[in-house]
Amino acid sequence: MPRKQVIHPMVKLQQQVSSLVNSKIVTPDDNIGKIALLFGRDWAFLKSELIAYGFSMQDPIRDLLVVEKWEDE
């Protein structure tokens, strides 16, 4: 039975935010807080994860998109 590949929540967030940038819904210069409304009830979890990784809601989206590896401590 093949193991299912689990995508890290932050990788999934990066993919979704990248899609939003490509669709011109947000720009890389917008702050991370601008995407909050687009994630609805998932936002509380995602925000806490971002903060745990050292992000603030005022950081530009581009800072989120350039992370190459998300490591859990």
C-alpha atoms as a PDB file:
ATOM      1  CA  MET A   1       0.000   0.000   0.000  1.00  0.00           C
ATOM      2  CA  PRO A   2       1.672   3.256  -1.104  1.00  0.00           C
ATOM      3  CA  ARG A   3       2.183   5.954   1.504  1.00  0.00           C
ATOM      4  CA  LYS A   4       0.294   9.135   0.868  1.00  0.00           C
ATOM      5  CA  GLN A   5       2.535  12.184   0.479  1.00  0.00           C
ATOM      6  CA  VAL A   6       1.597  14.824   3.028  1.00  0.00           C
ATOM      7  CA  ILE A   7       2.138  18.426   1.950  1.00  0.00           C
ATOM      8  CA  HIS A   8       3.380  20.712   4.713  1.00  0.00           C
ATOM      9  CA  PRO A   9       0.667  23.327   5.495  1.00  0.00           C
ATOM     10  CA  MET A  10       3.120  26.151   4.756  1.00  0.00           C
ATOM     11  CA  VAL A  11       4.011  24.663   1.354  1.00  0.00           C
ATOM     12  CA  LYS A  12       0.302  24.475   0.564  1.00  0.00           C
ATOM     13  CA  LEU A  13      -0.102  28.104   1.703  1.00  0.00           C
ATOM     14  CA  GLN A  14       2.829  29.148  -0.504  1.00  0.00           C
ATOM     15  CA  GLN A  15       1.240  27.432  -3.499  1.00  0.00           C
ATOM     16  CA  GLN A  16      -2.109  29.111  -2.871  1.00  0.00           C
ATOM     17  CA  VAL A  17      -0.559  32.546  -2.334  1.00  0.00           C
ATOM     18  CA  SER A  18       1.599  32.126  -5.437  1.00  0.00           C
ATOM     19  CA  SER A  19      -1.580  31.408  -7.382  1.00  0.00           C
ATOM     20  CA  LEU A  20      -3.174  34.577  -5.943  1.00  0.00           C
ATOM     21  CA  VAL A  21      -0.142  36.605  -7.062  1.00  0.00           C
ATOM     22  CA  ASN A  22      -0.223  35.023 -10.542  1.00  0.00           C
ATOM     23  CA  SER A  23      -3.938  35.875 -10.775  1.00  0.00           C
ATOM     24  CA  LYS A  24      -3.106  39.471  -9.742  1.00  0.00           C
ATOM     25  CA  ILE A  25      -5.464  39.241  -6.738  1.00  0.00           C
ATOM     26  CA  VAL A  26      -2.535  40.324  -4.537  1.00  0.00           C
ATOM     27  CA  THR A  27       0.975  41.562  -5.343  1.00  0.00           C
ATOM     28  CA  PRO A  28       4.316  40.447  -3.863  1.00  0.00           C
ATOM     29  CA  ASP A  29       4.531  43.915  -2.238  1.00  0.00           C
ATOM     30  CA  ASP A  30       1.227  43.523  -0.352  1.00  0.00           C
ATOM     31  CA  ASN A  31       1.570  42.582   3.296  1.00  0.00           C
ATOM     32  CA  ILE A  32       0.786  39.062   4.437  1.00  0.00           C
ATOM     33  CA  GLY A  33      -2.187  40.303   6.457  1.00  0.00           C
ATOM     34  CA  LYS A  34      -3.971  41.193   3.209  1.00  0.00           C
ATOM     35  CA  ILE A  35      -4.574  37.511   2.444  1.00  0.00           C
ATOM     36  CA  ALA A  36      -6.343  36.834   5.764  1.00  0.00           C
ATOM     37  CA  LEU A  37      -9.873  37.252   4.401  1.00  0.00           C
ATOM     38  CA  LEU A  38      -9.153  34.882   1.530  1.00  0.00           C
ATOM     39  CA  PHE A  39      -8.448  31.969   3.880  1.00  0.00           C
ATOM     40  CA  GLY A  40     -11.535  32.254   6.083  1.00  0.00           C
ATOM     41  CA  ARG A  41     -11.617  29.974   9.079  1.00  0.00           C
ATOM     42  CA  ASP A  42      -8.252  28.392   8.178  1.00  0.00           C
ATOM     43  CA  TRP A  43      -6.573  31.752   8.775  1.00  0.00           C
ATOM     44  CA  ALA A  44      -6.212  31.449  12.573  1.00  0.00           C
ATOM     45  CA  PHE A  45      -4.121  28.288  12.159  1.00  0.00           C
ATOM     46  CA  LEU A  46      -2.119  29.657   9.216  1.00  0.00           C
ATOM     47  CA  LYS A  47      -1.449  32.942  11.017  1.00  0.00           C
ATOM     48  CA  SER A  48      -0.198  31.132  14.126  1.00  0.00           C
ATOM     49  CA  GLU A  49       2.086  28.997  11.940  1.00  0.00           C
ATOM     50  CA  LEU A  50       3.453  32.060  10.136  1.00  0.00           C
ATOM     51  CA  ILE A  51       4.142  33.787  13.451  1.00  0.00           C
ATOM     52  CA  ALA A  52       5.863  30.639  14.731  1.00  0.00           C
ATOM     53  CA  TYR A  53       8.155  30.822  11.682  1.00  0.00           C
ATOM     54  CA  GLY A  54       8.986  34.451  12.494  1.00  0.00           C
ATOM     55  CA  PHE A  55       6.693  36.270  10.083  1.00  0.00           C
ATOM     56  CA  SER A  56       4.602  39.302  10.961  1.00  0.00           C
ATOM     57  CA  MET A  57       1.397  40.258   9.199  1.00  0.00           C
ATOM     58  CA  GLN A  58       3.166  43.416   7.945  1.00  0.00           C
ATOM     59  CA  ASP A  59       5.842  41.452   6.076  1.00  0.00           C
ATOM     60  CA  PRO A  60       5.529  41.515   2.279  1.00  0.00           C
ATOM     61  CA  ILE A  61       4.057  38.451   0.597  1.00  0.00           C
ATOM     62  CA  ARG A  62       7.316  38.088  -1.354  1.00  0.00           C
ATOM     63  CA  ASP A  63       9.077  37.084   1.907  1.00  0.00           C
ATOM     64  CA  LEU A  64       6.660  34.177   2.274  1.00  0.00           C
ATOM     65  CA  LEU A  65       7.084  33.049  -1.331  1.00  0.00           C
ATOM     66  CA  VAL A  66      10.900  32.819  -1.218  1.00  0.00           C
ATOM     67  CA  VAL A  67      11.091  30.266   1.622  1.00  0.00           C
ATOM     68  CA  GLU A  68      12.577  27.116   0.114  1.00  0.00           C
ATOM     69  CA  LYS A  69      12.197  24.717   3.010  1.00  0.00           C
ATOM     70  CA  TRP A  70       9.858  24.678   6.009  1.00  0.00           C
ATOM     71  CA  GLU A  71      11.400  22.835   8.922  1.00  0.00           C
ATOM     72  CA  ASP A  72       9.585  21.801  12.050  1.00  0.00           C
ATOM     73  CA  GLU A  73      11.623  22.133  15.220  1.00  0.00           C
END
